[in-house]
PDB file of N, CA and C in Angstrom:
ATOM      1  N   UNK A   1      -1.042  14.605 125.357  1.00  0.00           N
ATOM      2  CA  UNK A   1      -1.564  14.500 126.705  1.00  0.00           C
ATOM      3  C   UNK A   1      -2.751  15.454 126.849  1.00  0.00           C
ATOM      4  N   UNK A   2      -3.861  14.941 127.367  1.00  0.00           N
ATOM      5  CA  UNK A   2      -4.998  15.799 127.697  1.00  0.00           C
ATOM      6  C   UNK A   2      -4.779  16.356 129.091  1.00  0.00           C
ATOM      7  N   UNK A   3      -5.014  17.643 129.245  1.00  0.00           N
ATOM      8  CA  UNK A   3      -4.819  18.288 130.536  1.00  0.00           C
ATOM      9  C   UNK A   3      -6.083  19.023 130.964  1.00  0.00           C
ATOM     10  N   UNK A   4      -6.219  19.161 132.278  1.00  0.00           N
ATOM     11  CA  UNK A   4      -7.301  19.955 132.846  1.00  0.00           C
ATOM     12  C   UNK A   4      -6.799  21.377 133.022  1.00  0.00           C
ATOM     13  N   UNK A   5      -7.616  22.324 132.633  1.00  0.00           N
ATOM     14  CA  UNK A   5      -7.271  23.746 132.748  1.00  0.00           C
ATOM     15  C   UNK A   5      -8.121  24.346 133.869  1.00  0.00           C
ATOM     16  N   UNK A   6      -7.437  24.935 134.862  1.00  0.00           N
ATOM     17  CA  UNK A   6      -8.097  25.569 136.004  1.00  0.00           C
ATOM     18  C   UNK A   6      -7.884  27.068 135.884  1.00  0.00           C
ATOM     19  N   UNK A   7      -8.960  27.790 135.651  1.00  0.00           N
ATOM     20  CA  UNK A   7      -8.944  29.239 135.474  1.00  0.00           C
ATOM     21  C   UNK A   7      -8.843  29.887 136.860  1.00  0.00           C
ATOM     22  N   UNK A   8      -7.843  30.751 137.039  1.00  0.00           N
ATOM     23  CA  UNK A   8      -7.546  31.277 138.365  1.00  0.00           C
ATOM     24  C   UNK A   8      -7.402  32.793 138.342  1.00  0.00           C
ATOM     25  N   UNK A   9      -8.108  33.438 139.255  1.00  0.00           N
ATOM     26  CA  UNK A   9      -8.042  34.891 139.448  1.00  0.00           C
ATOM     27  C   UNK A   9      -7.780  35.155 140.924  1.00  0.00           C
ATOM     28  N   UNK A  10      -6.698  35.867 141.240  1.00  0.00           N
ATOM     29  CA  UNK A  10      -6.409  36.233 142.628  1.00  0.00           C
ATOM     30  C   UNK A  10      -6.121  37.727 142.715  1.00  0.00           C
ATOM     31  N   UNK A  11      -6.400  38.287 143.870  1.00  0.00           N
ATOM     32  CA  UNK A  11      -6.113  39.698 144.100  1.00  0.00           C
ATOM     33  C   UNK A  11      -4.719  39.810 144.698  1.00  0.00           C
ATOM     34  N   UNK A  12      -3.848  40.507 143.978  1.00  0.00           N
ATOM     35  CA  UNK A  12      -2.478  40.703 144.451  1.00  0.00           C
ATOM     36  C   UNK A  12      -2.464  41.695 145.609  1.00  0.00           C
ATOM     37  N   UNK A  13      -1.327  41.764 146.292  1.00  0.00           N
ATOM     38  CA  UNK A  13      -1.190  42.677 147.426  1.00  0.00           C
ATOM     39  C   UNK A  13      -1.281  44.139 146.997  1.00  0.00           C
ATOM     40  N   UNK A  14      -1.025  44.432 145.714  1.00  0.00           N
ATOM     41  CA  UNK A  14      -1.138  45.812 145.228  1.00  0.00           C
ATOM     42  C   UNK A  14      -2.542  46.125 144.708  1.00  0.00           C
ATOM     43  N   UNK A  15      -3.469  45.175 144.856  1.00  0.00           N
ATOM     44  CA  UNK A  15      -4.852  45.379 144.453  1.00  0.00           C
ATOM     45  C   UNK A  15      -5.187  44.935 143.046  1.00  0.00           C
ATOM     46  N   UNK A  16      -4.181  44.687 142.208  1.00  0.00           N
ATOM     47  CA  UNK A  16      -4.439  44.227 140.840  1.00  0.00           C
ATOM     48  C   UNK A  16      -4.932  42.786 140.855  1.00  0.00           C
ATOM     49  N   UNK A  17      -5.736  42.453 139.864  1.00  0.00           N
ATOM     50  CA  UNK A  17      -6.222  41.082 139.715  1.00  0.00           C
ATOM     51  C   UNK A  17      -5.253  40.326 138.808  1.00  0.00           C
ATOM     52  N   UNK A  18      -4.749  39.236 139.327  1.00  0.00           N
ATOM     53  CA  UNK A  18      -3.804  38.380 138.614  1.00  0.00           C
ATOM     54  C   UNK A  18      -4.595  37.211 138.028  1.00  0.00           C
ATOM     55  N   UNK A  19      -4.419  36.959 136.740  1.00  0.00           N
ATOM     56  CA  UNK A  19      -5.143  35.895 136.050  1.00  0.00           C
ATOM     57  C   UNK A  19      -4.133  34.926 135.459  1.00  0.00           C
ATOM     58  N   UNK A  20      -4.275  33.658 135.818  1.00  0.00           N
ATOM     59  CA  UNK A  20      -3.418  32.608 135.255  1.00  0.00           C
ATOM     60  C   UNK A  20      -4.184  31.302 135.228  1.00  0.00           C
ATOM     61  N   UNK A  21      -3.748  30.400 134.357  1.00  0.00           N
ATOM     62  CA  UNK A  21      -4.326  29.062 134.290  1.00  0.00           C
ATOM     63  C   UNK A  21      -3.341  28.081 134.890  1.00  0.00           C
ATOM     64  N   UNK A  22      -3.871  27.133 135.647  1.00  0.00           N
ATOM     65  CA  UNK A  22      -3.080  26.033 136.176  1.00  0.00           C
ATOM     66  C   UNK A  22      -3.442  24.816 135.332  1.00  0.00           C
ATOM     67  N   UNK A  23      -2.462  24.249 134.647  1.00  0.00           N
ATOM     68  CA  UNK A  23      -2.676  23.091 133.791  1.00  0.00           C
ATOM     69  C   UNK A  23      -2.115  21.867 134.496  1.00  0.00           C
ATOM     70  N   UNK A  24      -2.924  20.809 134.590  1.00  0.00           N
ATOM     71  CA  UNK A  24      -2.548  19.593 135.307  1.00  0.00           C
ATOM     72  C   UNK A  24      -3.095  18.375 134.576  1.00  0.00           C
ATOM     73  N   UNK A  25      -2.633  17.195 134.983  1.00  0.00           N
ATOM     74  CA  UNK A  25      -3.204  15.970 134.423  1.00  0.00           C
ATOM     75  C   UNK A  25      -4.651  15.848 134.891  1.00  0.00           C
ATOM     76  N   UNK A  26      -5.433  15.102 134.153  1.00  0.00           N
ATOM     77  CA  UNK A  26      -6.856  14.973 134.476  1.00  0.00           C
ATOM     78  C   UNK A  26      -7.097  14.267 135.804  1.00  0.00           C
ATOM     79  N   UNK A  27      -6.117  13.533 136.313  1.00  0.00           N
ATOM     80  CA  UNK A  27      -6.271  12.805 137.575  1.00  0.00           C
ATOM     81  C   UNK A  27      -5.976  13.662 138.807  1.00  0.00           C
ATOM     82  N   UNK A  28      -5.588  14.903 138.611  1.00  0.00           N
ATOM     83  CA  UNK A  28      -5.208  15.780 139.720  1.00  0.00           C
ATOM     84  C   UNK A  28      -6.456  16.255 140.463  1.00  0.00           C
ATOM     85  N   UNK A  29      -6.397  16.210 141.801  1.00  0.00           N
ATOM     86  CA  UNK A  29      -7.537  16.651 142.606  1.00  0.00           C
ATOM     87  C   UNK A  29      -7.552  18.170 142.746  1.00  0.00           C
ATOM     88  N   UNK A  30      -8.702  18.687 143.137  1.00  0.00           N
ATOM     89  CA  UNK A  30      -8.834  20.131 143.346  1.00  0.00           C
ATOM     90  C   UNK A  30      -7.855  20.622 144.417  1.00  0.00           C
ATOM     91  N   UNK A  31      -7.683  19.851 145.473  1.00  0.00           N
ATOM     92  CA  UNK A  31      -6.756  20.236 146.538  1.00  0.00           C
ATOM     93  C   UNK A  31      -5.321  20.319 146.018  1.00  0.00           C
ATOM     94  N   UNK A  32      -4.944  19.393 145.158  1.00  0.00           N
ATOM     95  CA  UNK A  32      -3.608  19.421 144.562  1.00  0.00           C
ATOM     96  C   UNK A  32      -3.441  20.640 143.667  1.00  0.00           C
ATOM     97  N   UNK A  33      -4.468  20.968 142.894  1.00  0.00           N
ATOM     98  CA  UNK A  33      -4.417  22.132 141.999  1.00  0.00           C
ATOM     99  C   UNK A  33      -4.181  23.397 142.823  1.00  0.00           C
ATOM    100  N   UNK A  34      -4.917  23.547 143.896  1.00  0.00           N
ATOM    101  CA  UNK A  34      -4.769  24.723 144.752  1.00  0.00           C
ATOM    102  C   UNK A  34      -3.380  24.758 145.372  1.00  0.00           C
ATOM    103  N   UNK A  35      -2.868  23.607 145.786  1.00  0.00           N
ATOM    104  CA  UNK A  35      -1.503  23.545 146.335  1.00  0.00           C
ATOM    105  C   UNK A  35      -0.482  23.967 145.277  1.00  0.00           C
ATOM    106  N   UNK A  36      -0.662  23.529 144.034  1.00  0.00           N
ATOM    107  CA  UNK A  36       0.239  23.940 142.954  1.00  0.00           C
ATOM    108  C   UNK A  36       0.156  25.448 142.738  1.00  0.00           C
ATOM    109  N   UNK A  37      -1.049  25.993 142.778  1.00  0.00           N
ATOM    110  CA  UNK A  37      -1.218  27.434 142.638  1.00  0.00           C
ATOM    111  C   UNK A  37      -0.503  28.196 143.740  1.00  0.00           C
ATOM    112  N   UNK A  38      -0.546  27.679 144.951  1.00  0.00           N
ATOM    113  CA  UNK A  38       0.143  28.321 146.076  1.00  0.00           C
ATOM    114  C   UNK A  38       1.658  28.263 145.907  1.00  0.00           C
ATOM    115  N   UNK A  39       2.158  27.160 145.363  1.00  0.00           N
ATOM    116  CA  UNK A  39       3.593  27.060 145.065  1.00  0.00           C
ATOM    117  C   UNK A  39       3.979  28.147 144.066  1.00  0.00           C
ATOM    118  N   UNK A  40       3.195  28.277 143.011  1.00  0.00           N
ATOM    119  CA  UNK A  40       3.455  29.298 141.995  1.00  0.00           C
ATOM    120  C   UNK A  40       3.448  30.698 142.606  1.00  0.00           C
ATOM    121  N   UNK A  41       2.420  31.004 143.386  1.00  0.00           N
ATOM    122  CA  UNK A  41       2.332  32.324 144.005  1.00  0.00           C
ATOM    123  C   UNK A  41       3.511  32.586 144.935  1.00  0.00           C
ATOM    124  N   UNK A  42       3.920  31.586 145.668  1.00  0.00           N
ATOM    125  CA  UNK A  42       5.067  31.724 146.558  1.00  0.00           C
ATOM    126  C   UNK A  42       6.334  32.041 145.766  1.00  0.00           C
ATOM    127  N   UNK A  43       6.515  31.370 144.637  1.00  0.00           N
ATOM    128  CA  UNK A  43       7.681  31.627 143.773  1.00  0.00           C
ATOM    129  C   UNK A  43       7.665  33.047 143.212  1.00  0.00           C
ATOM    130  N   UNK A  44       6.469  33.622 143.100  1.00  0.00           N
ATOM    131  CA  UNK A  44       6.334  34.996 142.605  1.00  0.00           C
ATOM    132  C   UNK A  44       6.439  36.018 143.737  1.00  0.00           C
ATOM    133  N   UNK A  45       6.684  35.552 144.972  1.00  0.00           N
ATOM    134  CA  UNK A  45       6.769  36.446 146.120  1.00  0.00           C
ATOM    135  C   UNK A  45       5.404  36.867 146.640  1.00  0.00           C
ATOM    136  N   UNK A  46       4.387  36.069 146.352  1.00  0.00           N
ATOM    137  CA  UNK A  46       3.017  36.403 146.729  1.00  0.00           C
ATOM    138  C   UNK A  46       2.393  35.311 147.601  1.00  0.00           C
ATOM    139  N   UNK A  47       3.178  34.774 148.526  1.00  0.00           N
ATOM    140  CA  UNK A  47       2.704  33.672 149.368  1.00  0.00           C
ATOM    141  C   UNK A  47       1.505  34.064 150.220  1.00  0.00           C
ATOM    142  N   UNK A  48       1.334  35.350 150.510  1.00  0.00           N
ATOM    143  CA  UNK A  48       0.233  35.793 151.368  1.00  0.00           C
ATOM    144  C   UNK A  48      -1.092  35.967 150.619  1.00  0.00           C
ATOM    145  N   UNK A  49      -1.070  35.837 149.306  1.00  0.00           N
ATOM    146  CA  UNK A  49      -2.284  36.010 148.499  1.00  0.00           C
ATOM    147  C   UNK A  49      -3.226  34.817 148.728  1.00  0.00           C
ATOM    148  N   UNK A  50      -4.505  35.111 148.901  1.00  0.00           N
ATOM    149  CA  UNK A  50      -5.508  34.066 149.137  1.00  0.00           C
ATOM    150  C   UNK A  50      -5.778  33.296 147.850  1.00  0.00           C
ATOM    151  N   UNK A  51      -5.715  31.968 147.952  1.00  0.00           N
ATOM    152  CA  UNK A  51      -6.060  31.098 146.825  1.00  0.00           C
ATOM    153  C   UNK A  51      -6.855  29.924 147.379  1.00  0.00           C
ATOM    154  N   UNK A  52      -8.098  29.811 146.939  1.00  0.00           N
ATOM    155  CA  UNK A  52      -8.971  28.725 147.366  1.00  0.00           C
ATOM    156  C   UNK A  52      -9.817  28.303 146.171  1.00  0.00           C
ATOM    157  N   UNK A  53     -10.763  27.412 146.412  1.00  0.00           N
ATOM    158  CA  UNK A  53     -11.649  26.976 145.327  1.00  0.00           C
ATOM    159  C   UNK A  53     -12.540  28.115 144.828  1.00  0.00           C
ATOM    160  N   UNK A  54     -12.619  29.188 145.582  1.00  0.00           N
ATOM    161  CA  UNK A  54     -13.382  30.364 145.143  1.00  0.00           C
ATOM    162  C   UNK A  54     -12.655  31.095 144.007  1.00  0.00           C
ATOM    163  N   UNK A  55     -11.327  31.136 144.054  1.00  0.00           N
ATOM    164  CA  UNK A  55     -10.519  31.844 143.052  1.00  0.00           C
ATOM    165  C   UNK A  55     -10.061  30.945 141.905  1.00  0.00           C
ATOM    166  N   UNK A  56     -10.153  29.640 142.086  1.00  0.00           N
ATOM    167  CA  UNK A  56      -9.601  28.673 141.128  1.00  0.00           C
ATOM    168  C   UNK A  56     -10.692  27.676 140.745  1.00  0.00           C
ATOM    169  N   UNK A  57     -11.111  27.712 139.477  1.00  0.00           N
ATOM    170  CA  UNK A  57     -12.220  26.865 139.007  1.00  0.00           C
ATOM    171  C   UNK A  57     -11.797  26.044 137.789  1.00  0.00           C
ATOM    172  N   UNK A  58     -12.270  24.790 137.782  1.00  0.00           N
ATOM    173  CA  UNK A  58     -12.049  23.959 136.599  1.00  0.00           C
ATOM    174  C   UNK A  58     -12.736  24.630 135.415  1.00  0.00           C
ATOM    175  N   UNK A  59     -12.023  24.696 134.297  1.00  0.00           N
ATOM    176  CA  UNK A  59     -12.553  25.357 133.105  1.00  0.00           C
ATOM    177  C   UNK A  59     -12.874  24.344 131.999  1.00  0.00           C
ATOM    178  N   UNK A  60     -11.861  23.587 131.561  1.00  0.00           N
ATOM    179  CA  UNK A  60     -12.069  22.646 130.469  1.00  0.00           C
ATOM    180  C   UNK A  60     -10.866  21.708 130.347  1.00  0.00           C
ATOM    181  N   UNK A  61     -10.979  20.749 129.450  1.00  0.00           N
ATOM    182  CA  UNK A  61      -9.886  19.831 129.103  1.00  0.00           C
ATOM    183  C   UNK A  61      -9.400  20.212 127.707  1.00  0.00           C
ATOM    184  N   UNK A  62      -8.092  20.049 127.490  1.00  0.00           N
ATOM    185  CA  UNK A  62      -7.550  20.305 126.151  1.00  0.00           C
ATOM    186  C   UNK A  62      -6.286  19.490 125.951  1.00  0.00           C
ATOM    187  N   UNK A  63      -5.871  19.368 124.705  1.00  0.00           N
ATOM    188  CA  UNK A  63      -4.627  18.680 124.379  1.00  0.00           C
ATOM    189  C   UNK A  63      -3.483  19.664 124.604  1.00  0.00           C
ATOM    190  N   UNK A  64      -2.497  19.231 125.372  1.00  0.00           N
ATOM    191  CA  UNK A  64      -1.373  20.104 125.714  1.00  0.00           C
ATOM    192  C   UNK A  64      -0.274  20.018 124.657  1.00  0.00           C
ATOM    193  N   UNK A  65       0.348  21.156 124.352  1.00  0.00           N
ATOM    194  CA  UNK A  65       1.547  21.119 123.514  1.00  0.00           C
ATOM    195  C   UNK A  65       2.639  20.314 124.226  1.00  0.00           C
ATOM    196  N   UNK A  66       3.584  19.809 123.476  1.00  0.00           N
ATOM    197  CA  UNK A  66       4.630  18.939 124.024  1.00  0.00           C
ATOM    198  C   UNK A  66       5.386  19.584 125.185  1.00  0.00           C
ATOM    199  N   UNK A  67       5.736  20.854 125.073  1.00  0.00           N
ATOM    200  CA  UNK A  67       6.491  21.529 126.145  1.00  0.00           C
ATOM    201  C   UNK A  67       5.678  21.602 127.436  1.00  0.00           C
ATOM    202  N   UNK A  68       4.383  21.845 127.320  1.00  0.00           N
ATOM    203  CA  UNK A  68       3.510  21.905 128.493  1.00  0.00           C
ATOM    204  C   UNK A  68       3.389  20.514 129.109  1.00  0.00           C
ATOM    205  N   UNK A  69       3.214  19.495 128.283  1.00  0.00           N
ATOM    206  CA  UNK A  69       3.117  18.118 128.777  1.00  0.00           C
ATOM    207  C   UNK A  69       4.385  17.723 129.528  1.00  0.00           C
ATOM    208  N   UNK A  70       5.553  18.090 129.004  1.00  0.00           N
ATOM    209  CA  UNK A  70       6.823  17.795 129.697  1.00  0.00           C
ATOM    210  C   UNK A  70       6.879  18.488 131.052  1.00  0.00           C
ATOM    211  N   UNK A  71       6.445  19.744 131.096  1.00  0.00           N
ATOM    212  CA  UNK A  71       6.437  20.503 132.341  1.00  0.00           C
ATOM    213  C   UNK A  71       5.537  19.831 133.377  1.00  0.00           C
ATOM    214  N   UNK A  72       4.377  19.352 132.955  1.00  0.00           N
ATOM    215  CA  UNK A  72       3.456  18.682 133.872  1.00  0.00           C
ATOM    216  C   UNK A  72       4.046  17.369 134.370  1.00  0.00           C
ATOM    217  N   UNK A  73       4.674  16.608 133.485  1.00  0.00           N
ATOM    218  CA  UNK A  73       5.302  15.354 133.899  1.00  0.00           C
ATOM    219  C   UNK A  73       6.421  15.625 134.906  1.00  0.00           C
ATOM    220  N   UNK A  74       7.224  16.653 134.673  1.00  0.00           N
ATOM    221  CA  UNK A  74       8.348  16.971 135.552  1.00  0.00           C
ATOM    222  C   UNK A  74       7.921  17.610 136.864  1.00  0.00           C
ATOM    223  N   UNK A  75       6.936  18.515 136.822  1.00  0.00           N
ATOM    224  CA  UNK A  75       6.603  19.333 137.996  1.00  0.00           C
ATOM    225  C   UNK A  75       5.232  19.058 138.596  1.00  0.00           C
ATOM    226  N   UNK A  76       4.387  18.334 137.892  1.00  0.00           N
ATOM    227  CA  UNK A  76       3.035  18.085 138.358  1.00  0.00           C
ATOM    228  C   UNK A  76       2.034  19.106 137.848  1.00  0.00           C
ATOM    229  N   UNK A  77       2.534  20.251 137.379  1.00  0.00           N
ATOM    230  CA  UNK A  77       1.660  21.310 136.884  1.00  0.00           C
ATOM    231  C   UNK A  77       2.424  22.227 135.944  1.00  0.00           C
ATOM    232  N   UNK A  78       1.675  23.066 135.231  1.00  0.00           N
ATOM    233  CA  UNK A  78       2.245  24.092 134.370  1.00  0.00           C
ATOM    234  C   UNK A  78       1.365  25.329 134.521  1.00  0.00           C
ATOM    235  N   UNK A  79       1.983  26.499 134.600  1.00  0.00           N
ATOM    236  CA  UNK A  79       1.245  27.744 134.734  1.00  0.00           C
ATOM    237  C   UNK A  79       1.271  28.499 133.402  1.00  0.00           C
ATOM    238  N   UNK A  80       0.103  28.917 132.975  1.00  0.00           N
ATOM    239  CA  UNK A  80      -0.024  29.784 131.810  1.00  0.00           C
ATOM    240  C   UNK A  80      -0.392  31.170 132.341  1.00  0.00           C
ATOM    241  N   UNK A  81       0.570  32.086 132.302  1.00  0.00           N
ATOM    242  CA  UNK A  81       0.346  33.443 132.825  1.00  0.00           C
ATOM    243  C   UNK A  81      -0.453  34.253 131.800  1.00  0.00           C
ATOM    244  N   UNK A  82      -1.533  34.902 132.255  1.00  0.00           N
ATOM    245  CA  UNK A  82      -2.411  35.624 131.352  1.00  0.00           C
ATOM    246  C   UNK A  82      -2.452  37.126 131.615  1.00  0.00           C
ATOM    247  N   UNK A  83      -2.684  37.547 132.862  1.00  0.00           N
ATOM    248  CA  UNK A  83      -2.771  38.982 133.151  1.00  0.00           C
ATOM    249  C   UNK A  83      -2.140  39.300 134.510  1.00  0.00           C
ATOM    250  N   UNK A  84      -1.387  40.393 134.559  1.00  0.00           N
ATOM    251  CA  UNK A  84      -0.802  40.919 135.806  1.00  0.00           C
ATOM    252  C   UNK A  84       0.011  39.885 136.586  1.00  0.00           C
ATOM    253  N   UNK A  85       0.772  39.068 135.852  1.00  0.00           N
ATOM    254  CA  UNK A  85       1.576  38.027 136.493  1.00  0.00           C
ATOM    255  C   UNK A  85       3.045  38.426 136.637  1.00  0.00           C
ATOM    256  N   UNK A  86       3.404  39.587 136.087  1.00  0.00           N
ATOM    257  CA  UNK A  86       4.804  40.019 136.093  1.00  0.00           C
ATOM    258  C   UNK A  86       5.237  40.674 137.371  1.00  0.00           C
TER     259      UNK A  86
END
């Protein structure tokens, strides 16, 4: 499965910059990507963190590993945590 990778940087409530990628099917709209990012942030207890098209940008397309593809089929998206996501 080819997926779209959306590079995302948000400022956490403690001031640290959180970096993660939102991986979605190529047919997913920007509004859907941002909504998925907000779901993720809410699950991390960071629902108040600002996430808009300013913080979340399309980066590239790539072939997803099988586990990531399954996650996207089941949930609509997959998050790749990169920095300060813990």
